Amino acid sequence: MANPNKARGTAWESDVRNYMNTALGLVNELGKFLDIFSALNVKRAAQEGAADVGDVHCAPFILECKDVKSPAVPTWLRQADVEAANAGFPYGVVVHKVRRANVRRGRVHFGFATWTRVRLALGLSARQMRERYAFNASVRGLDSARWYLTTDVERFTQLVADMRAGLT
């Protein structure tokens, strides 16, 4: 790959995919899918046409993966929402790499509206959601469209498992 930034981004997407498949128990000890046809497998998306469908598909989420030094979270979240809609998934989130840290420490950002919809789907109060998945809030001004909540990849993976199990 000629573009080093593209190579870094692709590596981050693959690291997230591999970590989540392992943590969710979807692969064997060799990293091979237990059921190659399962819709629950976490996969990197093949880009097709003009409508981007996100970097990683992790039903019911689209993950927009970012390996950049300077974050632009509100902009990325808008992008994740559009890509989730393009892919037909209900939720879009951003997974931002933390320099020199294990993939499980990457930051997963939820827009306020997405976080609320996920919380309600899980049947949790705001306090329960924050505590169970260690979310921290970033509130910028009075416009809730610019607010977001952040956890790490490890806790996000547990959230995905809980959603898939229908746990509350």
N, C-alpha and C. Protein backbone atom coordinates (compact mmCIF):
# COMPACT_ATOMS: atom_id res chain seq x y z
N MET A 1 0.86 -1.17 0.00
CA MET A 1 0.00 0.00 0.00
C MET A 1 0.90 1.23 0.00
N ALA A 2 0.71 2.09 -0.98
CA ALA A 2 1.59 3.23 -1.17
C ALA A 2 1.37 4.33 -0.13
N ASN A 3 0.15 4.52 0.32
CA ASN A 3 -0.18 5.60 1.25
C ASN A 3 -0.03 5.11 2.69
N PRO A 4 0.96 5.63 3.44
CA PRO A 4 1.17 5.16 4.81
C PRO A 4 0.00 5.45 5.75
N ASN A 5 -0.72 6.55 5.53
CA ASN A 5 -1.89 6.84 6.36
C ASN A 5 -3.00 5.82 6.13
N LYS A 6 -3.20 5.44 4.87
CA LYS A 6 -4.20 4.43 4.54
C LYS A 6 -3.81 3.09 5.16
N ALA A 7 -2.52 2.76 5.11
CA ALA A 7 -2.05 1.50 5.69
C ALA A 7 -2.28 1.48 7.20
N ARG A 8 -2.02 2.61 7.87
CA ARG A 8 -2.26 2.70 9.32
C ARG A 8 -3.74 2.54 9.64
N GLY A 9 -4.59 3.19 8.85
CA GLY A 9 -6.03 3.08 9.06
C GLY A 9 -6.53 1.66 8.85
N THR A 10 -6.05 1.02 7.81
CA THR A 10 -6.44 -0.37 7.54
C THR A 10 -5.98 -1.30 8.66
N ALA A 11 -4.78 -1.08 9.16
CA ALA A 11 -4.27 -1.90 10.27
C ALA A 11 -5.13 -1.72 11.52
N TRP A 12 -5.54 -0.48 11.80
CA TRP A 12 -6.39 -0.21 12.97
C TRP A 12 -7.75 -0.91 12.82
N GLU A 13 -8.35 -0.80 11.63
CA GLU A 13 -9.62 -1.48 11.38
C GLU A 13 -9.48 -2.99 11.62
N SER A 14 -8.40 -3.56 11.12
CA SER A 14 -8.17 -5.00 11.28
C SER A 14 -7.95 -5.37 12.73
N ASP A 15 -7.21 -4.53 13.47
CA ASP A 15 -6.98 -4.79 14.89
C ASP A 15 -8.29 -4.79 15.68
N VAL A 16 -9.16 -3.81 15.39
CA VAL A 16 -10.46 -3.72 16.07
C VAL A 16 -11.29 -4.95 15.74
N ARG A 17 -11.37 -5.29 14.47
CA ARG A 17 -12.13 -6.47 14.04
C ARG A 17 -11.62 -7.73 14.73
N ASN A 18 -10.32 -7.94 14.72
CA ASN A 18 -9.74 -9.15 15.31
C ASN A 18 -9.98 -9.22 16.81
N TYR A 19 -9.79 -8.10 17.50
CA TYR A 19 -10.01 -8.07 18.95
C TYR A 19 -11.47 -8.43 19.27
N MET A 20 -12.40 -7.79 18.56
CA MET A 20 -13.82 -8.00 18.87
C MET A 20 -14.26 -9.42 18.55
N ASN A 21 -13.81 -9.97 17.43
CA ASN A 21 -14.17 -11.35 17.10
C ASN A 21 -13.67 -12.32 18.17
N THR A 22 -12.46 -12.08 18.66
CA THR A 22 -11.90 -12.95 19.70
C THR A 22 -12.66 -12.77 21.01
N ALA A 23 -12.86 -11.52 21.42
CA ALA A 23 -13.53 -11.24 22.70
C ALA A 23 -14.99 -11.70 22.70
N LEU A 24 -15.64 -11.68 21.55
CA LEU A 24 -17.02 -12.14 21.45
C LEU A 24 -17.14 -13.65 21.24
N GLY A 25 -15.99 -14.33 21.15
CA GLY A 25 -16.00 -15.79 21.00
C GLY A 25 -16.47 -16.26 19.64
N LEU A 26 -16.20 -15.47 18.60
CA LEU A 26 -16.65 -15.81 17.26
C LEU A 26 -15.60 -16.52 16.43
N VAL A 27 -14.38 -16.63 16.97
CA VAL A 27 -13.29 -17.29 16.26
C VAL A 27 -12.65 -18.34 17.16
N ASN A 28 -11.97 -19.30 16.54
CA ASN A 28 -11.24 -20.32 17.31
C ASN A 28 -9.85 -19.79 17.68
N GLU A 29 -9.04 -20.65 18.30
CA GLU A 29 -7.72 -20.23 18.75
C GLU A 29 -6.79 -19.85 17.60
N LEU A 30 -7.14 -20.22 16.37
CA LEU A 30 -6.34 -19.85 15.20
C LEU A 30 -6.87 -18.59 14.51
N GLY A 31 -7.94 -18.02 15.07
CA GLY A 31 -8.52 -16.82 14.49
C GLY A 31 -9.46 -17.08 13.34
N LYS A 32 -9.90 -18.32 13.18
CA LYS A 32 -10.84 -18.68 12.10
C LYS A 32 -12.27 -18.63 12.65
N PHE A 33 -13.19 -18.10 11.85
CA PHE A 33 -14.59 -18.02 12.27
C PHE A 33 -15.13 -19.40 12.62
N LEU A 34 -15.88 -19.46 13.70
CA LEU A 34 -16.55 -20.71 14.08
C LEU A 34 -17.68 -21.00 13.11
N ASP A 35 -18.36 -19.95 12.63
CA ASP A 35 -19.43 -20.08 11.65
C ASP A 35 -19.23 -18.96 10.64
N ILE A 36 -18.68 -19.30 9.48
CA ILE A 36 -18.35 -18.26 8.50
C ILE A 36 -19.58 -17.55 7.96
N PHE A 37 -20.76 -18.13 8.15
CA PHE A 37 -21.98 -17.54 7.62
C PHE A 37 -22.74 -16.71 8.65
N SER A 38 -22.24 -16.63 9.86
CA SER A 38 -22.96 -15.91 10.91
C SER A 38 -22.98 -14.40 10.64
N ALA A 39 -24.17 -13.82 10.76
CA ALA A 39 -24.32 -12.37 10.62
C ALA A 39 -23.72 -11.63 11.81
N LEU A 40 -23.38 -12.36 12.86
CA LEU A 40 -22.81 -11.72 14.05
C LEU A 40 -21.29 -11.55 13.96
N ASN A 41 -20.65 -12.15 12.97
CA ASN A 41 -19.21 -11.97 12.81
C ASN A 41 -18.89 -10.50 12.59
N VAL A 42 -17.80 -10.05 13.17
CA VAL A 42 -17.34 -8.68 12.98
C VAL A 42 -16.45 -8.67 11.74
N LYS A 43 -16.80 -7.81 10.77
CA LYS A 43 -16.10 -7.84 9.47
C LYS A 43 -15.75 -6.44 9.01
N ARG A 44 -14.63 -6.34 8.32
CA ARG A 44 -14.31 -5.09 7.62
C ARG A 44 -15.17 -5.04 6.37
N ALA A 45 -15.73 -3.88 6.11
CA ALA A 45 -16.64 -3.73 4.98
C ALA A 45 -15.88 -3.47 3.69
N ALA A 46 -16.35 -4.08 2.62
CA ALA A 46 -15.83 -3.77 1.29
C ALA A 46 -16.57 -2.53 0.81
N GLN A 47 -15.82 -1.53 0.38
CA GLN A 47 -16.45 -0.28 -0.08
C GLN A 47 -16.98 -0.48 -1.49
N GLU A 48 -18.24 -0.12 -1.65
CA GLU A 48 -18.91 -0.30 -2.94
C GLU A 48 -19.62 0.99 -3.32
N GLY A 49 -19.24 1.58 -4.41
CA GLY A 49 -19.94 2.76 -4.92
C GLY A 49 -19.71 4.01 -4.09
N ALA A 50 -20.59 4.98 -4.29
CA ALA A 50 -20.43 6.30 -3.68
C ALA A 50 -20.89 6.36 -2.23
N ALA A 51 -21.80 5.49 -1.82
CA ALA A 51 -22.36 5.53 -0.46
C ALA A 51 -21.51 4.67 0.48
N ASP A 52 -20.66 5.31 1.27
CA ASP A 52 -19.79 4.61 2.20
C ASP A 52 -20.64 3.91 3.26
N VAL A 53 -20.27 2.68 3.61
CA VAL A 53 -21.03 1.88 4.57
C VAL A 53 -20.24 1.61 5.85
N GLY A 54 -19.25 2.44 6.16
CA GLY A 54 -18.49 2.28 7.39
C GLY A 54 -17.29 1.37 7.20
N ASP A 55 -16.43 1.36 8.22
CA ASP A 55 -15.19 0.58 8.15
C ASP A 55 -15.37 -0.85 8.63
N VAL A 56 -16.08 -1.02 9.74
CA VAL A 56 -16.24 -2.34 10.34
C VAL A 56 -17.72 -2.53 10.67
N HIS A 57 -18.25 -3.68 10.31
CA HIS A 57 -19.64 -4.03 10.63
C HIS A 57 -19.63 -4.97 11.84
N CYS A 58 -20.32 -4.54 12.87
CA CYS A 58 -20.43 -5.30 14.12
C CYS A 58 -21.88 -5.17 14.56
N ALA A 59 -22.74 -5.99 13.96
CA ALA A 59 -24.18 -5.86 14.18
C ALA A 59 -24.51 -5.74 15.66
N PRO A 60 -25.29 -4.73 16.02
CA PRO A 60 -26.06 -3.78 15.22
C PRO A 60 -25.35 -2.44 14.99
N PHE A 61 -24.02 -2.43 15.05
CA PHE A 61 -23.26 -1.19 14.93
C PHE A 61 -22.43 -1.15 13.65
N ILE A 62 -22.26 0.06 13.14
CA ILE A 62 -21.24 0.38 12.14
C ILE A 62 -20.15 1.11 12.89
N LEU A 63 -18.91 0.67 12.71
CA LEU A 63 -17.78 1.32 13.37
C LEU A 63 -17.00 2.12 12.34
N GLU A 64 -16.82 3.38 12.62
CA GLU A 64 -15.97 4.25 11.82
C GLU A 64 -14.66 4.33 12.58
N CYS A 65 -13.62 3.69 12.06
CA CYS A 65 -12.33 3.59 12.77
C CYS A 65 -11.40 4.71 12.35
N LYS A 66 -10.76 5.34 13.34
CA LYS A 66 -9.89 6.48 13.07
C LYS A 66 -8.55 6.28 13.79
N ASP A 67 -7.47 6.37 13.03
CA ASP A 67 -6.12 6.33 13.58
C ASP A 67 -5.44 7.64 13.19
N VAL A 68 -5.79 8.69 13.92
CA VAL A 68 -5.23 10.01 13.66
C VAL A 68 -4.83 10.65 14.98
N LYS A 69 -3.92 11.59 14.90
CA LYS A 69 -3.43 12.26 16.10
C LYS A 69 -4.42 13.26 16.67
N SER A 70 -5.04 14.04 15.79
CA SER A 70 -5.95 15.12 16.23
C SER A 70 -7.40 14.71 16.04
N PRO A 71 -8.13 14.49 17.12
CA PRO A 71 -9.52 14.05 16.98
C PRO A 71 -10.46 15.16 16.52
N ALA A 72 -11.48 14.73 15.78
CA ALA A 72 -12.57 15.61 15.33
C ALA A 72 -13.87 14.84 15.57
N VAL A 73 -14.13 14.50 16.82
CA VAL A 73 -15.19 13.56 17.18
C VAL A 73 -16.58 13.95 16.66
N PRO A 74 -17.07 15.19 16.87
CA PRO A 74 -18.41 15.50 16.36
C PRO A 74 -18.56 15.29 14.85
N THR A 75 -17.55 15.65 14.10
CA THR A 75 -17.56 15.45 12.64
C THR A 75 -17.58 13.96 12.33
N TRP A 76 -16.75 13.19 13.01
CA TRP A 76 -16.71 11.74 12.79
C TRP A 76 -18.04 11.09 13.13
N LEU A 77 -18.69 11.55 14.19
CA LEU A 77 -19.97 10.95 14.59
C LEU A 77 -21.04 11.20 13.53
N ARG A 78 -21.04 12.38 12.94
CA ARG A 78 -21.99 12.65 11.85
C ARG A 78 -21.72 11.69 10.69
N GLN A 79 -20.45 11.48 10.39
CA GLN A 79 -20.06 10.54 9.33
C GLN A 79 -20.53 9.13 9.68
N ALA A 80 -20.34 8.70 10.92
CA ALA A 80 -20.74 7.35 11.34
C ALA A 80 -22.26 7.17 11.21
N ASP A 81 -23.03 8.20 11.55
CA ASP A 81 -24.49 8.11 11.43
C ASP A 81 -24.92 7.94 9.98
N VAL A 82 -24.30 8.69 9.09
CA VAL A 82 -24.63 8.58 7.65
C VAL A 82 -24.26 7.19 7.14
N GLU A 83 -23.09 6.71 7.52
CA GLU A 83 -22.65 5.40 7.04
C GLU A 83 -23.49 4.27 7.60
N ALA A 84 -23.94 4.39 8.85
CA ALA A 84 -24.84 3.38 9.43
C ALA A 84 -26.14 3.33 8.63
N ALA A 85 -26.68 4.50 8.30
CA ALA A 85 -27.91 4.55 7.50
C ALA A 85 -27.68 3.94 6.12
N ASN A 86 -26.54 4.25 5.50
CA ASN A 86 -26.22 3.68 4.18
C ASN A 86 -26.16 2.16 4.23
N ALA A 87 -25.66 1.62 5.34
CA ALA A 87 -25.49 0.17 5.47
C ALA A 87 -26.74 -0.52 6.01
N GLY A 88 -27.73 0.27 6.44
CA GLY A 88 -28.94 -0.31 6.99
C GLY A 88 -28.80 -0.79 8.43
N PHE A 89 -27.86 -0.20 9.17
CA PHE A 89 -27.65 -0.54 10.58
C PHE A 89 -28.23 0.57 11.44
N PRO A 90 -28.71 0.24 12.64
CA PRO A 90 -29.35 1.27 13.47
C PRO A 90 -28.39 2.23 14.18
N TYR A 91 -27.14 1.81 14.39
CA TYR A 91 -26.23 2.62 15.21
C TYR A 91 -24.88 2.80 14.53
N GLY A 92 -24.36 4.03 14.58
CA GLY A 92 -23.01 4.31 14.10
C GLY A 92 -22.19 4.90 15.23
N VAL A 93 -20.98 4.38 15.42
CA VAL A 93 -20.06 4.88 16.45
C VAL A 93 -18.67 5.05 15.85
N VAL A 94 -17.81 5.75 16.58
CA VAL A 94 -16.44 5.99 16.14
C VAL A 94 -15.49 5.29 17.10
N VAL A 95 -14.49 4.60 16.53
CA VAL A 95 -13.46 3.94 17.33
C VAL A 95 -12.13 4.62 17.01
N HIS A 96 -11.61 5.36 17.99
CA HIS A 96 -10.40 6.17 17.82
C HIS A 96 -9.22 5.50 18.52
N LYS A 97 -8.16 5.30 17.79
CA LYS A 97 -6.97 4.65 18.34
C LYS A 97 -6.28 5.54 19.37
N VAL A 98 -5.83 4.91 20.45
CA VAL A 98 -5.02 5.60 21.46
C VAL A 98 -3.57 5.19 21.18
N ARG A 99 -2.75 6.17 20.96
CA ARG A 99 -1.34 5.91 20.61
C ARG A 99 -0.64 5.06 21.68
N ARG A 100 0.12 4.10 21.21
CA ARG A 100 0.96 3.22 22.04
C ARG A 100 0.15 2.48 23.12
N ALA A 101 -1.11 2.16 22.81
CA ALA A 101 -1.95 1.42 23.76
C ALA A 101 -2.54 0.20 23.06
N ASN A 102 -2.87 -0.80 23.85
CA ASN A 102 -3.52 -2.00 23.34
C ASN A 102 -4.85 -1.62 22.71
N VAL A 103 -5.28 -2.39 21.73
CA VAL A 103 -6.53 -2.10 21.01
C VAL A 103 -7.71 -1.99 21.97
N ARG A 104 -7.74 -2.76 23.03
CA ARG A 104 -8.89 -2.71 23.95
C ARG A 104 -9.01 -1.36 24.66
N ARG A 105 -7.98 -0.54 24.60
CA ARG A 105 -8.01 0.79 25.22
C ARG A 105 -8.37 1.89 24.22
N GLY A 106 -8.64 1.52 22.98
CA GLY A 106 -9.11 2.49 22.00
C GLY A 106 -10.39 3.14 22.51
N ARG A 107 -10.65 4.35 22.07
CA ARG A 107 -11.84 5.09 22.53
C ARG A 107 -13.00 4.88 21.57
N VAL A 108 -14.15 4.55 22.15
CA VAL A 108 -15.37 4.39 21.35
C VAL A 108 -16.30 5.54 21.70
N HIS A 109 -16.62 6.35 20.70
CA HIS A 109 -17.43 7.54 20.89
C HIS A 109 -18.84 7.31 20.35
N PHE A 110 -19.83 7.67 21.16
CA PHE A 110 -21.25 7.61 20.80
C PHE A 110 -21.79 9.02 20.78
N GLY A 111 -22.53 9.38 19.74
CA GLY A 111 -23.29 10.62 19.78
C GLY A 111 -24.36 10.46 20.86
N PHE A 112 -24.78 11.59 21.41
CA PHE A 112 -25.76 11.55 22.51
C PHE A 112 -27.05 10.82 22.11
N ALA A 113 -27.56 11.10 20.91
CA ALA A 113 -28.80 10.45 20.47
C ALA A 113 -28.61 8.94 20.31
N THR A 114 -27.49 8.53 19.74
CA THR A 114 -27.21 7.10 19.58
C THR A 114 -27.07 6.43 20.94
N TRP A 115 -26.33 7.06 21.84
CA TRP A 115 -26.14 6.52 23.19
C TRP A 115 -27.50 6.32 23.88
N THR A 116 -28.38 7.29 23.72
CA THR A 116 -29.70 7.22 24.35
C THR A 116 -30.51 6.07 23.74
N ARG A 117 -30.48 5.93 22.43
CA ARG A 117 -31.23 4.84 21.79
C ARG A 117 -30.68 3.47 22.22
N VAL A 118 -29.37 3.34 22.32
CA VAL A 118 -28.76 2.07 22.77
C VAL A 118 -29.15 1.81 24.22
N ARG A 119 -29.07 2.83 25.05
CA ARG A 119 -29.43 2.71 26.47
C ARG A 119 -30.87 2.23 26.61
N LEU A 120 -31.77 2.82 25.86
CA LEU A 120 -33.17 2.42 25.93
C LEU A 120 -33.37 0.99 25.41
N ALA A 121 -32.64 0.62 24.37
CA ALA A 121 -32.72 -0.75 23.84
C ALA A 121 -32.28 -1.77 24.89
N LEU A 122 -31.30 -1.39 25.72
CA LEU A 122 -30.82 -2.27 26.79
C LEU A 122 -31.70 -2.20 28.03
N GLY A 123 -32.61 -1.21 28.08
CA GLY A 123 -33.48 -1.07 29.25
C GLY A 123 -32.76 -0.54 30.47
N LEU A 124 -31.75 0.30 30.26
CA LEU A 124 -30.94 0.83 31.36
C LEU A 124 -31.24 2.30 31.61
N SER A 125 -31.09 2.71 32.85
CA SER A 125 -31.13 4.14 33.17
C SER A 125 -29.82 4.76 32.71
N ALA A 126 -29.78 6.07 32.64
CA ALA A 126 -28.55 6.76 32.25
C ALA A 126 -27.42 6.39 33.22
N ARG A 127 -27.71 6.38 34.50
CA ARG A 127 -26.69 6.03 35.50
C ARG A 127 -26.19 4.60 35.31
N GLN A 128 -27.11 3.66 35.10
CA GLN A 128 -26.71 2.26 34.90
C GLN A 128 -25.83 2.13 33.65
N MET A 129 -26.20 2.81 32.59
CA MET A 129 -25.43 2.75 31.34
C MET A 129 -24.02 3.30 31.55
N ARG A 130 -23.93 4.45 32.20
CA ARG A 130 -22.62 5.07 32.46
C ARG A 130 -21.76 4.15 33.31
N GLU A 131 -22.33 3.60 34.37
CA GLU A 131 -21.55 2.79 35.30
C GLU A 131 -21.18 1.43 34.72
N ARG A 132 -22.13 0.77 34.07
CA ARG A 132 -21.87 -0.58 33.55
C ARG A 132 -20.79 -0.57 32.48
N TYR A 133 -20.78 0.45 31.62
CA TYR A 133 -19.85 0.47 30.50
C TYR A 133 -18.81 1.60 30.60
N ALA A 134 -18.71 2.22 31.76
CA ALA A 134 -17.69 3.24 32.06
C ALA A 134 -17.67 4.37 31.04
N PHE A 135 -18.83 4.93 30.74
CA PHE A 135 -18.91 6.06 29.81
C PHE A 135 -18.54 7.36 30.51
N ASN A 136 -17.85 8.22 29.76
CA ASN A 136 -17.58 9.59 30.18
C ASN A 136 -18.21 10.51 29.16
N ALA A 137 -18.76 11.63 29.63
CA ALA A 137 -19.45 12.55 28.73
C ALA A 137 -18.56 13.74 28.36
N SER A 138 -18.72 14.18 27.11
CA SER A 138 -18.12 15.42 26.62
C SER A 138 -19.28 16.29 26.16
N VAL A 139 -19.54 17.34 26.91
CA VAL A 139 -20.65 18.23 26.62
C VAL A 139 -20.07 19.56 26.14
N ARG A 140 -20.43 19.94 24.93
CA ARG A 140 -19.91 21.17 24.34
C ARG A 140 -21.08 22.10 24.04
N GLY A 141 -21.28 23.08 24.90
CA GLY A 141 -22.35 24.06 24.68
C GLY A 141 -23.73 23.49 24.92
N LEU A 142 -24.72 24.20 24.43
CA LEU A 142 -26.12 23.82 24.65
C LEU A 142 -26.67 22.91 23.55
N ASP A 143 -25.95 22.77 22.48
CA ASP A 143 -26.41 21.97 21.34
C ASP A 143 -26.08 20.50 21.58
N SER A 144 -27.10 19.69 21.91
CA SER A 144 -26.85 18.27 22.22
C SER A 144 -26.34 17.49 21.01
N ALA A 145 -26.46 18.04 19.80
CA ALA A 145 -25.92 17.38 18.62
C ALA A 145 -24.40 17.33 18.67
N ARG A 146 -23.78 18.16 19.53
CA ARG A 146 -22.32 18.17 19.66
C ARG A 146 -21.86 17.40 20.89
N TRP A 147 -22.77 16.84 21.65
CA TRP A 147 -22.41 16.07 22.84
C TRP A 147 -22.09 14.64 22.44
N TYR A 148 -21.16 14.04 23.14
CA TYR A 148 -20.87 12.62 22.91
C TYR A 148 -20.40 11.96 24.18
N LEU A 149 -20.49 10.64 24.19
CA LEU A 149 -20.08 9.83 25.33
C LEU A 149 -19.04 8.82 24.86
N THR A 150 -18.08 8.54 25.74
CA THR A 150 -16.94 7.73 25.34
C THR A 150 -16.69 6.60 26.34
N THR A 151 -16.40 5.43 25.80
CA THR A 151 -15.94 4.29 26.59
C THR A 151 -14.73 3.70 25.86
N ASP A 152 -14.27 2.53 26.27
CA ASP A 152 -13.16 1.91 25.56
C ASP A 152 -13.64 0.69 24.77
N VAL A 153 -12.78 0.16 23.92
CA VAL A 153 -13.15 -0.96 23.06
C VAL A 153 -13.52 -2.19 23.89
N GLU A 154 -12.82 -2.42 24.98
CA GLU A 154 -13.12 -3.58 25.82
C GLU A 154 -14.56 -3.51 26.37
N ARG A 155 -14.93 -2.37 26.93
CA ARG A 155 -16.29 -2.23 27.48
C ARG A 155 -17.34 -2.16 26.37
N PHE A 156 -16.99 -1.57 25.25
CA PHE A 156 -17.90 -1.55 24.11
C PHE A 156 -18.20 -2.97 23.64
N THR A 157 -17.19 -3.81 23.62
CA THR A 157 -17.39 -5.20 23.21
C THR A 157 -18.36 -5.89 24.15
N GLN A 158 -18.28 -5.60 25.44
CA GLN A 158 -19.25 -6.16 26.39
C GLN A 158 -20.65 -5.62 26.11
N LEU A 159 -20.75 -4.34 25.78
CA LEU A 159 -22.03 -3.76 25.43
C LEU A 159 -22.63 -4.47 24.22
N VAL A 160 -21.82 -4.73 23.20
CA VAL A 160 -22.29 -5.46 22.02
C VAL A 160 -22.80 -6.84 22.42
N ALA A 161 -22.03 -7.54 23.25
CA ALA A 161 -22.45 -8.87 23.71
C ALA A 161 -23.78 -8.80 24.45
N ASP A 162 -23.94 -7.79 25.30
CA ASP A 162 -25.18 -7.63 26.05
C ASP A 162 -26.35 -7.33 25.13
N MET A 163 -26.13 -6.48 24.14
CA MET A 163 -27.22 -6.17 23.19
C MET A 163 -27.61 -7.42 22.42
N ARG A 164 -26.64 -8.18 21.98
CA ARG A 164 -26.93 -9.38 21.21
C ARG A 164 -27.65 -10.43 22.05
N ALA A 165 -27.37 -10.46 23.34
CA ALA A 165 -28.01 -11.42 24.24
C ALA A 165 -29.36 -10.91 24.74
N GLY A 166 -29.65 -9.63 24.49
CA GLY A 166 -30.91 -9.04 24.95
C GLY A 166 -30.92 -8.85 26.46
N LEU A 167 -29.72 -8.71 27.05
CA LEU A 167 -29.62 -8.54 28.49
C LEU A 167 -29.93 -7.12 28.91
N THR A 168 -30.46 -6.99 30.10
CA THR A 168 -30.70 -5.67 30.69
C THR A 168 -30.10 -5.64 32.07
